[in-house]
Amino acid sequence: MITFDFYVKNRAIGNYEKIDGTVTPLTTEDLLDKALDQAFIVLENTTIETIEPSTEVKIVIHQEGKEDVEKYYISGSDESTQTPLNVG
């Protein structure tokens, strides 16, 4: 069985604080560079309302019979702005 723990970094004290809730599903992409790696999660049954963009987060993946895996990310926003290039 695979389970996940989700942590958010408290900027004031510099420690990661565990967020209670259910993390499902977890989808990760390990790309060419760690700066390009990304993850998508749904966090349910929690009291936290929002996670501000640029917040450091940690996901710990537990799998029976294997060592825990820690993954670190920076939260993003699902909104984007498109800016056209001025060529000329």
C-alpha atoms as a PDB file:
ATOM      1  CA  MET A   1       0.000   0.000   0.000  1.00  0.00           C
ATOM      2  CA  ILE A   2       1.201   3.510  -0.820  1.00  0.00           C
ATOM      3  CA  THR A   3       0.346   6.498   1.388  1.00  0.00           C
ATOM      4  CA  PHE A   4       1.381  10.148   1.314  1.00  0.00           C
ATOM      5  CA  ASP A   5       2.068  12.851   3.897  1.00  0.00           C
ATOM      6  CA  PHE A   6       1.875  16.529   2.916  1.00  0.00           C
ATOM      7  CA  TYR A   7       3.890  19.297   4.596  1.00  0.00           C
ATOM      8  CA  VAL A   8       3.966  23.085   4.153  1.00  0.00           C
ATOM      9  CA  LYS A   9       7.003  25.144   5.142  1.00  0.00           C
ATOM     10  CA  ASN A  10       6.343  27.726   7.834  1.00  0.00           C
ATOM     11  CA  ARG A  11       8.376  30.715   6.621  1.00  0.00           C
ATOM     12  CA  ALA A  12       8.542  32.301  10.081  1.00  0.00           C
ATOM     13  CA  ILE A  13      10.351  29.383  11.740  1.00  0.00           C
ATOM     14  CA  GLY A  14      11.702  27.556   8.688  1.00  0.00           C
ATOM     15  CA  ASN A  15      10.230  24.137   9.546  1.00  0.00           C
ATOM     16  CA  TYR A  16       7.835  21.962   7.589  1.00  0.00           C
ATOM     17  CA  GLU A  17       4.470  21.457   9.278  1.00  0.00           C
ATOM     18  CA  LYS A  18       2.375  18.402   8.477  1.00  0.00           C
ATOM     19  CA  ILE A  19      -1.050  19.166   7.039  1.00  0.00           C
ATOM     20  CA  ASP A  20      -3.734  16.714   8.070  1.00  0.00           C
ATOM     21  CA  GLY A  21      -5.952  15.505   5.286  1.00  0.00           C
ATOM     22  CA  THR A  22      -6.190  13.007   2.493  1.00  0.00           C
ATOM     23  CA  VAL A  23      -3.779  13.329  -0.417  1.00  0.00           C
ATOM     24  CA  THR A  24      -5.248  11.747  -3.557  1.00  0.00           C
ATOM     25  CA  PRO A  25      -4.311  11.356  -6.283  1.00  0.00           C
ATOM     26  CA  LEU A  26      -0.615  12.172  -6.443  1.00  0.00           C
ATOM     27  CA  THR A  27       0.771  12.614  -9.928  1.00  0.00           C
ATOM     28  CA  THR A  28       4.445  13.488 -10.291  1.00  0.00           C
ATOM     29  CA  GLU A  29       6.664  14.202 -13.273  1.00  0.00           C
ATOM     30  CA  ASP A  30      10.437  13.960 -12.951  1.00  0.00           C
ATOM     31  CA  LEU A  31      11.758  15.860 -15.944  1.00  0.00           C
ATOM     32  CA  LEU A  32      15.254  16.723 -17.186  1.00  0.00           C
ATOM     33  CA  ASP A  33      16.004  19.174 -14.392  1.00  0.00           C
ATOM     34  CA  LYS A  34      14.737  19.360 -10.805  1.00  0.00           C
ATOM     35  CA  ALA A  35      13.560  22.906 -11.539  1.00  0.00           C
ATOM     36  CA  LEU A  36      11.149  21.442 -14.112  1.00  0.00           C
ATOM     37  CA  ASP A  37       9.791  18.620 -11.906  1.00  0.00           C
ATOM     38  CA  GLN A  38       6.145  18.994 -10.988  1.00  0.00           C
ATOM     39  CA  ALA A  39       3.375  17.324  -9.030  1.00  0.00           C
ATOM     40  CA  PHE A  40      -0.384  17.558  -8.903  1.00  0.00           C
ATOM     41  CA  ILE A  41      -2.346  16.606  -5.794  1.00  0.00           C
ATOM     42  CA  VAL A  42      -5.820  16.926  -4.413  1.00  0.00           C
ATOM     43  CA  LEU A  43      -5.887  17.607  -0.668  1.00  0.00           C
ATOM     44  CA  GLU A  44      -9.218  16.687   0.929  1.00  0.00           C
ATOM     45  CA  ASN A  45     -10.638  16.564   4.466  1.00  0.00           C
ATOM     46  CA  THR A  46      -8.419  19.345   5.768  1.00  0.00           C
ATOM     47  CA  THR A  47      -8.932  22.608   7.624  1.00  0.00           C
ATOM     48  CA  ILE A  48      -6.451  24.535   5.468  1.00  0.00           C
ATOM     49  CA  GLU A  49      -8.230  26.772   2.966  1.00  0.00           C
ATOM     50  CA  THR A  50      -5.473  27.868   0.599  1.00  0.00           C
ATOM     51  CA  ILE A  51      -1.768  27.461   0.031  1.00  0.00           C
ATOM     52  CA  GLU A  52      -0.232  30.640  -1.288  1.00  0.00           C
ATOM     53  CA  PRO A  53       1.770  30.422  -4.529  1.00  0.00           C
ATOM     54  CA  SER A  54       5.548  30.154  -3.971  1.00  0.00           C
ATOM     55  CA  THR A  55       5.106  28.233  -0.714  1.00  0.00           C
ATOM     56  CA  GLU A  56       7.603  25.428  -0.234  1.00  0.00           C
ATOM     57  CA  VAL A  57       5.944  22.036   0.208  1.00  0.00           C
ATOM     58  CA  LYS A  58       7.172  18.529   0.918  1.00  0.00           C
ATOM     59  CA  ILE A  59       5.478  15.252   0.047  1.00  0.00           C
ATOM     60  CA  VAL A  60       6.601  12.045   1.752  1.00  0.00           C
ATOM     61  CA  ILE A  61       5.703   8.845  -0.084  1.00  0.00           C
ATOM     62  CA  HIS A  62       5.404   5.704   2.056  1.00  0.00           C
ATOM     63  CA  GLN A  63       5.362   2.273   0.418  1.00  0.00           C
ATOM     64  CA  GLU A  64       5.356  -1.002   2.351  1.00  0.00           C
ATOM     65  CA  GLY A  65       8.726  -2.706   2.225  1.00  0.00           C
ATOM     66  CA  LYS A  66      10.523   0.306   0.738  1.00  0.00           C
ATOM     67  CA  GLU A  67      12.314   3.358   2.088  1.00  0.00           C
ATOM     68  CA  ASP A  68      10.279   6.598   2.300  1.00  0.00           C
ATOM     69  CA  VAL A  69      10.777   9.061  -0.545  1.00  0.00           C
ATOM     70  CA  GLU A  70      10.724  12.817   0.101  1.00  0.00           C
ATOM     71  CA  LYS A  71       9.894  15.188  -2.759  1.00  0.00           C
ATOM     72  CA  TYR A  72      10.162  18.978  -2.504  1.00  0.00           C
ATOM     73  CA  TYR A  73       8.206  21.460  -4.603  1.00  0.00           C
ATOM     74  CA  ILE A  74       7.159  25.109  -4.696  1.00  0.00           C
ATOM     75  CA  SER A  75       3.411  25.610  -4.930  1.00  0.00           C
ATOM     76  CA  GLY A  76       2.088  27.363  -7.977  1.00  0.00           C
ATOM     77  CA  SER A  77      -1.079  28.997  -9.151  1.00  0.00           C
ATOM     78  CA  ASP A  78      -3.485  27.489 -11.637  1.00  0.00           C
ATOM     79  CA  GLU A  79      -3.876  30.897 -13.291  1.00  0.00           C
ATOM     80  CA  SER A  80      -1.478  32.126 -15.951  1.00  0.00           C
ATOM     81  CA  THR A  81      -0.895  35.248 -18.003  1.00  0.00           C
ATOM     82  CA  GLN A  82       0.031  35.131 -21.655  1.00  0.00           C
ATOM     83  CA  THR A  83       2.159  37.989 -22.931  1.00  0.00           C
ATOM     84  CA  PRO A  84       2.759  38.328 -26.689  1.00  0.00           C
ATOM     85  CA  LEU A  85       6.281  38.967 -27.924  1.00  0.00           C
ATOM     86  CA  ASN A  86       6.912  42.350 -29.502  1.00  0.00           C
ATOM     87  CA  VAL A  87       8.880  41.488 -32.612  1.00  0.00           C
ATOM     88  CA  GLY A  88       9.844  44.208 -34.945  1.00  0.00           C
END
